Amino acid sequence: MATIGELLLRGKARFAAAAFAPPPASRETALLLGRVLGLSEAQILARDERPVEPADAALYQAWIERRAGGEPVAYILGEREFYGRVFQVDSRVLIPRPETEHLIEQVLAIPLPPRPRILEVGAGSGCIAVTLACELTAARLIATDLSAGALAVARGNAARLGATDRVALVRTDLFDGIRLETIDLLVSNPPYVDRTEAAEMSPEVCNFEPHLALFPPGGGGLETISRLLDSAAALRHGVRVLLEIGRGQLEAVESSARAAGFDLLAAHPDYAGIPRVAVLSRL
C-alpha cells in the first residue's frame, strides 16, 4: 500500500504537469487526500508514513486527475463555504465567491422594515437568498433563476440550512410574474462578464462553471444589469437595489441606473479595491 507521503508526491507531480497555467497549488493535494481520509491538512502532513487503503488511494488519484484537468476543487468536493456556512455546489451552479460576501454585508448594513420582503434575481446555489434568510430571520425571500438545475441545488441548500419556509424559489426570467410593488429590497449577482473576456479567463471558470451564470445572453457584460433596471419601474420610491458588478463597470452601471430612474447611493469595493457592490435607490 502507498503511504500518505507517497500519494502527496504523486499528486504534486501530476499537478506540476497540468496542461493549464497556473497549475493547481501543491497544497491542494493534502486538502483532497485529507477529505478522502477524514483528516485535516495538518493531520495529513503529520502522518506521511501512514499507509492508505487501495480504495482510498484510487479515489484520491481520481480526484487528482479531475483537478489536473482544471475542474474546480469545489465541484470535486461538492461544496464551498460562504459567509460561514457550507453550501453544496455542482456544475449546475456558479461557485460562491468571497467577493459576493460583500453583497451580504451591504444588505445587512442598510435599513429595512421589521419583516422585509427581499427579492433575489439569479438564485444559483442559493448562497445569497439562504444566507439572508439565516441572517435576517424575520425576512421572507423570493429567489428567481432561469435554470431548473440551479433551483434544484438552491432548494437542497435551503433545506439543509433550515430556510425552506422562508425562501421561495421561482423559475422565471428576472422577476417576471413577481409583484415588485410588494418588494422591500432587490439584490442580485447577475451574469456580468463580457463574452469577449472568455479567452482571458481561467479554464477552471470558463470550461466548468455554467455560462448562463457568467455571461449575459447577448454577450455584453452590462446587458442583464441594464435589462434588470429597465424592468424594475414598479419598485416603490426609495426601495434599494444592490448589485454585484464587474471590474470597470461602475460608470456604465451608474449611467444605466440614472436612465432607468435609480440613484447610485454608494459603491463598495472588494478585497482588491475594485468597486464590487453598487447600492441604488428607486427615485
Protein backbone atom coordinates (compact mmCIF):
# COMPACT_ATOMS: atom_id res chain seq x y z
CA MET A 1 0.00 0.00 0.00
CA ALA A 2 1.15 3.54 -0.77
CA THR A 3 1.73 5.89 2.12
CA ILE A 4 0.28 9.35 2.58
CA GLY A 5 3.67 10.87 1.76
CA GLU A 6 3.98 8.89 -1.46
CA LEU A 7 0.49 9.84 -2.59
CA LEU A 8 1.16 13.50 -1.90
CA LEU A 9 4.32 13.38 -4.01
CA ARG A 10 2.45 11.71 -6.88
CA GLY A 11 -0.28 14.33 -6.68
CA LYS A 12 2.18 17.21 -6.70
CA ALA A 13 3.98 15.75 -9.72
CA ARG A 14 0.68 15.40 -11.57
CA PHE A 15 -0.27 18.98 -10.77
CA ALA A 16 3.11 20.23 -11.99
CA ALA A 17 2.37 18.57 -15.34
CA ALA A 18 -1.14 20.04 -15.63
CA ALA A 19 -1.96 21.46 -19.04
CA PHE A 20 -3.18 24.82 -17.78
CA ALA A 21 -1.45 27.72 -16.06
CA PRO A 22 -1.02 28.41 -13.29
CA PRO A 23 -1.20 24.75 -12.25
CA PRO A 24 -3.14 23.75 -9.12
CA ALA A 25 -1.45 24.67 -5.84
CA SER A 26 0.53 21.79 -4.37
CA ARG A 27 -1.24 22.20 -1.00
CA GLU A 28 -4.46 21.07 -2.67
CA THR A 29 -3.05 17.52 -2.65
CA ALA A 30 -3.24 17.48 1.15
CA LEU A 31 -6.72 19.01 1.05
CA LEU A 32 -8.02 16.32 -1.30
CA LEU A 33 -6.32 13.42 0.46
CA GLY A 34 -7.48 14.76 3.80
CA ARG A 35 -11.06 14.77 2.59
CA VAL A 36 -10.75 11.18 1.40
CA LEU A 37 -9.34 10.05 4.74
CA GLY A 38 -11.39 12.32 7.01
CA LEU A 39 -8.30 14.19 8.21
CA SER A 40 -7.31 17.85 8.28
CA GLU A 41 -4.48 19.13 6.12
CA ALA A 42 -2.29 19.43 9.22
CA GLN A 43 -3.03 15.83 10.20
CA ILE A 44 -2.22 14.65 6.67
CA LEU A 45 1.16 16.37 6.73
CA ALA A 46 1.97 14.88 10.13
CA ARG A 47 1.22 11.31 9.04
CA ASP A 48 3.27 10.91 5.87
CA GLU A 49 4.28 7.31 6.73
CA ARG A 50 0.72 6.10 7.25
CA PRO A 51 -0.38 3.54 4.64
CA VAL A 52 -3.54 4.27 2.65
CA GLU A 53 -6.06 1.62 1.71
CA PRO A 54 -6.17 0.93 -2.07
CA ALA A 55 -9.79 2.10 -2.41
CA ASP A 56 -8.98 5.41 -0.73
CA ALA A 57 -5.85 5.81 -2.83
CA ALA A 58 -7.86 5.16 -6.01
CA LEU A 59 -10.44 7.81 -5.08
CA TYR A 60 -7.68 10.29 -4.31
CA GLN A 61 -5.98 9.61 -7.65
CA ALA A 62 -9.29 10.09 -9.45
CA TRP A 63 -9.76 13.44 -7.74
CA ILE A 64 -6.18 14.45 -8.61
CA GLU A 65 -6.87 13.70 -12.28
CA ARG A 66 -10.05 15.75 -12.22
CA ARG A 67 -8.23 18.66 -10.60
CA ALA A 68 -5.28 18.38 -13.01
CA GLY A 69 -7.83 18.63 -15.82
CA GLY A 70 -8.94 22.00 -14.47
CA GLU A 71 -12.08 21.04 -12.55
CA PRO A 72 -12.51 23.33 -9.52
CA VAL A 73 -11.96 21.81 -6.09
CA ALA A 74 -15.46 22.93 -5.03
CA TYR A 75 -17.04 20.71 -7.69
CA ILE A 76 -14.81 17.77 -6.79
CA LEU A 77 -15.71 18.04 -3.11
CA GLY A 78 -19.28 19.10 -3.84
CA GLU A 79 -19.26 22.08 -1.50
CA ARG A 80 -17.98 25.58 -0.82
CA GLU A 81 -18.13 27.71 2.31
CA PHE A 82 -19.93 31.04 2.02
CA TYR A 83 -20.44 33.54 4.84
CA GLY A 84 -19.66 30.90 7.45
CA ARG A 85 -21.97 28.22 6.06
CA VAL A 86 -21.28 25.27 3.80
CA PHE A 87 -23.24 25.20 0.54
CA GLN A 88 -23.46 22.20 -1.74
CA VAL A 89 -22.42 23.01 -5.30
CA ASP A 90 -22.01 21.22 -8.60
CA SER A 91 -21.63 22.16 -12.25
CA ARG A 92 -25.23 23.44 -12.41
CA VAL A 93 -24.32 26.50 -10.35
CA LEU A 94 -21.64 29.15 -10.07
CA ILE A 95 -19.21 28.55 -7.21
CA PRO A 96 -19.80 31.16 -4.46
CA ARG A 97 -17.03 33.76 -4.33
CA PRO A 98 -15.64 35.74 -1.39
CA GLU A 99 -16.46 38.91 -3.34
CA THR A 100 -20.15 38.09 -3.15
CA GLU A 101 -19.98 38.13 0.65
CA HIS A 102 -19.70 41.93 0.31
CA LEU A 103 -23.21 41.87 -1.11
CA ILE A 104 -24.43 40.19 2.08
CA GLU A 105 -22.56 42.69 4.25
CA GLN A 106 -24.15 45.64 2.49
CA VAL A 107 -27.66 44.18 2.75
CA LEU A 108 -27.16 43.76 6.49
CA ALA A 109 -25.96 47.35 6.78
CA ILE A 110 -29.00 49.08 5.23
CA PRO A 111 -32.30 49.96 6.94
CA LEU A 112 -35.11 47.50 6.26
CA PRO A 113 -38.66 47.04 7.55
CA PRO A 114 -39.13 44.66 10.52
CA ARG A 115 -40.33 41.86 8.22
CA PRO A 116 -38.76 42.68 4.86
CA ARG A 117 -39.67 41.03 1.59
CA ILE A 118 -36.45 40.56 -0.34
CA LEU A 119 -36.17 39.55 -4.00
CA GLU A 120 -33.01 37.96 -5.33
CA VAL A 121 -32.54 37.70 -9.10
CA GLY A 122 -30.26 34.82 -10.07
CA ALA A 123 -30.52 32.32 -7.24
CA GLY A 124 -27.76 29.97 -8.38
CA SER A 125 -26.72 27.79 -5.44
CA GLY A 126 -28.97 29.79 -3.13
CA CYS A 127 -25.98 31.18 -1.25
CA ILE A 128 -27.32 34.76 -1.23
CA ALA A 129 -31.00 34.10 -0.54
CA VAL A 130 -30.39 31.34 2.02
CA THR A 131 -27.70 33.36 3.80
CA LEU A 132 -30.01 36.37 4.03
CA ALA A 133 -32.82 34.15 5.33
CA CYS A 134 -30.48 32.83 8.03
CA GLU A 135 -29.11 36.25 8.96
CA LEU A 136 -32.45 38.11 8.78
CA THR A 137 -34.76 35.58 10.38
CA ALA A 138 -37.86 37.79 10.02
CA ALA A 139 -37.27 38.30 6.28
CA ARG A 140 -39.09 36.50 3.52
CA LEU A 141 -37.11 35.80 0.36
CA ILE A 142 -38.10 35.20 -3.25
CA ALA A 143 -35.21 33.94 -5.38
CA THR A 144 -35.56 33.55 -9.13
CA ASP A 145 -33.49 31.76 -11.75
CA LEU A 146 -33.88 30.58 -15.33
CA SER A 147 -32.09 27.31 -14.61
CA ALA A 148 -34.14 24.43 -13.23
CA GLY A 149 -30.89 22.72 -12.25
CA ALA A 150 -29.70 25.72 -10.26
CA LEU A 151 -33.03 25.95 -8.45
CA ALA A 152 -32.75 22.27 -7.51
CA VAL A 153 -29.35 22.95 -5.93
CA ALA A 154 -30.70 26.03 -4.16
CA ARG A 155 -33.67 24.06 -2.87
CA GLY A 156 -31.35 21.47 -1.37
CA ASN A 157 -29.23 24.12 0.33
CA ALA A 158 -32.30 25.86 1.73
CA ALA A 159 -33.47 22.55 3.20
CA ARG A 160 -30.07 21.70 4.68
CA LEU A 161 -29.72 25.11 6.31
CA GLY A 162 -33.25 25.32 7.65
CA ALA A 163 -34.52 28.10 5.37
CA THR A 164 -37.10 26.29 3.24
CA ASP A 165 -40.06 28.04 4.86
CA ARG A 166 -38.56 31.49 4.27
CA VAL A 167 -37.15 31.17 0.74
CA ALA A 168 -39.50 30.79 -2.23
CA LEU A 169 -37.66 29.62 -5.35
CA VAL A 170 -39.20 30.59 -8.66
CA ARG A 171 -38.16 29.66 -12.19
CA THR A 172 -38.58 32.81 -14.27
CA ASP A 173 -36.69 35.40 -16.30
CA LEU A 174 -35.53 38.19 -13.96
CA PHE A 175 -38.73 38.83 -11.98
CA ASP A 176 -41.47 38.05 -14.49
CA GLY A 177 -44.65 37.30 -12.53
CA ILE A 178 -43.34 38.83 -9.29
CA ARG A 179 -45.25 41.80 -7.83
CA LEU A 180 -42.44 44.31 -7.47
CA GLU A 181 -44.61 46.78 -5.56
CA THR A 182 -44.52 44.36 -2.60
CA ILE A 183 -40.71 44.12 -2.53
CA ASP A 184 -38.61 45.99 0.05
CA LEU A 185 -35.20 45.15 -1.40
CA LEU A 186 -33.89 43.73 -4.66
CA VAL A 187 -30.47 42.07 -4.67
CA SER A 188 -28.62 40.34 -7.49
CA ASN A 189 -25.31 38.90 -8.57
CA PRO A 190 -26.24 38.80 -12.26
CA PRO A 191 -24.13 37.48 -15.15
CA TYR A 192 -21.86 40.45 -15.89
CA VAL A 193 -18.81 39.04 -17.69
CA ASP A 194 -18.48 40.26 -21.28
CA ARG A 195 -18.14 37.25 -23.57
CA THR A 196 -15.13 38.86 -25.27
CA GLU A 197 -13.26 38.26 -21.99
CA ALA A 198 -13.76 34.49 -22.15
CA ALA A 199 -10.38 33.86 -23.81
CA GLU A 200 -8.62 35.57 -20.89
CA MET A 201 -10.48 33.65 -18.20
CA SER A 202 -9.08 30.71 -16.26
CA PRO A 203 -10.13 27.35 -17.75
CA GLU A 204 -11.29 26.43 -14.24
CA VAL A 205 -14.05 29.03 -14.69
CA CYS A 206 -14.71 29.10 -18.40
CA ASN A 207 -14.62 25.35 -19.01
CA PHE A 208 -16.53 24.19 -15.94
CA GLU A 209 -18.85 26.83 -14.50
CA PRO A 210 -22.26 27.43 -16.13
CA HIS A 211 -22.09 30.09 -18.85
CA LEU A 212 -25.68 31.08 -18.11
CA ALA A 213 -24.45 32.44 -14.76
CA LEU A 214 -21.32 34.08 -16.19
CA PHE A 215 -22.27 35.70 -19.49
CA PRO A 216 -25.40 37.71 -20.35
CA PRO A 217 -27.41 36.10 -23.18
CA GLY A 218 -26.32 38.65 -25.78
CA GLY A 219 -22.70 38.58 -24.68
CA GLY A 220 -22.37 42.18 -23.46
CA GLY A 221 -21.32 42.48 -19.83
CA LEU A 222 -23.93 45.08 -18.86
CA GLU A 223 -26.85 43.57 -20.78
CA THR A 224 -28.56 41.80 -17.87
CA ILE A 225 -27.94 44.65 -15.41
CA SER A 226 -29.43 47.20 -17.83
CA ARG A 227 -32.42 44.97 -18.56
CA LEU A 228 -32.99 44.39 -14.85
CA LEU A 229 -33.00 48.11 -14.08
CA ASP A 230 -35.14 48.99 -17.09
CA SER A 231 -37.73 46.41 -15.99
CA ALA A 232 -37.85 47.47 -12.33
CA ALA A 233 -40.07 50.54 -12.67
CA ALA A 234 -42.72 49.04 -10.37
CA LEU A 235 -40.42 49.16 -7.34
CA ARG A 236 -41.61 51.71 -4.80
CA HIS A 237 -39.84 55.02 -4.25
CA GLY A 238 -36.79 54.57 -2.05
CA VAL A 239 -36.53 50.80 -2.43
CA ARG A 240 -32.90 49.83 -2.80
CA VAL A 241 -31.29 47.61 -5.39
CA LEU A 242 -27.92 46.05 -4.56
CA LEU A 243 -25.94 44.64 -7.46
CA GLU A 244 -22.63 42.86 -7.72
CA ILE A 245 -20.77 44.37 -10.68
CA GLY A 246 -17.54 43.69 -12.56
CA ARG A 247 -14.24 45.49 -12.87
CA GLY A 248 -14.55 48.79 -14.69
CA GLN A 249 -18.37 48.70 -14.87
CA LEU A 250 -19.31 51.27 -12.23
CA GLU A 251 -19.59 54.29 -14.51
CA ALA A 252 -21.74 52.45 -17.04
CA VAL A 253 -23.92 50.97 -14.29
CA GLU A 254 -24.47 54.44 -12.84
CA SER A 255 -25.46 55.73 -16.28
CA SER A 256 -27.90 52.85 -16.84
CA ALA A 257 -29.33 53.32 -13.37
CA ARG A 258 -29.92 57.04 -13.89
CA ALA A 259 -31.65 56.39 -17.22
CA ALA A 260 -33.91 53.79 -15.59
CA GLY A 261 -34.91 56.02 -12.66
CA PHE A 262 -32.41 54.96 -9.99
CA ASP A 263 -29.86 56.91 -8.00
CA LEU A 264 -26.43 55.48 -7.19
CA LEU A 265 -26.06 55.86 -3.42
CA ALA A 266 -22.73 54.09 -2.94
CA ALA A 267 -20.21 51.71 -4.48
CA HIS A 268 -18.38 49.38 -2.12
CA PRO A 269 -15.02 47.83 -3.05
CA ASP A 270 -13.98 44.21 -2.75
CA TYR A 271 -10.78 42.97 -1.13
CA ALA A 272 -8.78 44.09 -4.19
CA GLY A 273 -10.21 47.60 -4.06
CA ILE A 274 -12.43 47.06 -7.12
CA PRO A 275 -15.93 48.62 -6.91
CA ARG A 276 -17.98 45.46 -6.45
CA VAL A 277 -21.36 46.30 -4.91
CA ALA A 278 -23.48 49.11 -6.34
CA VAL A 279 -26.19 50.40 -3.99
CA LEU A 280 -29.05 52.02 -5.92
CA SER A 281 -32.28 53.64 -4.82
CA ARG A 282 -35.54 53.93 -6.79
CA LEU A 283 -36.28 57.58 -7.49
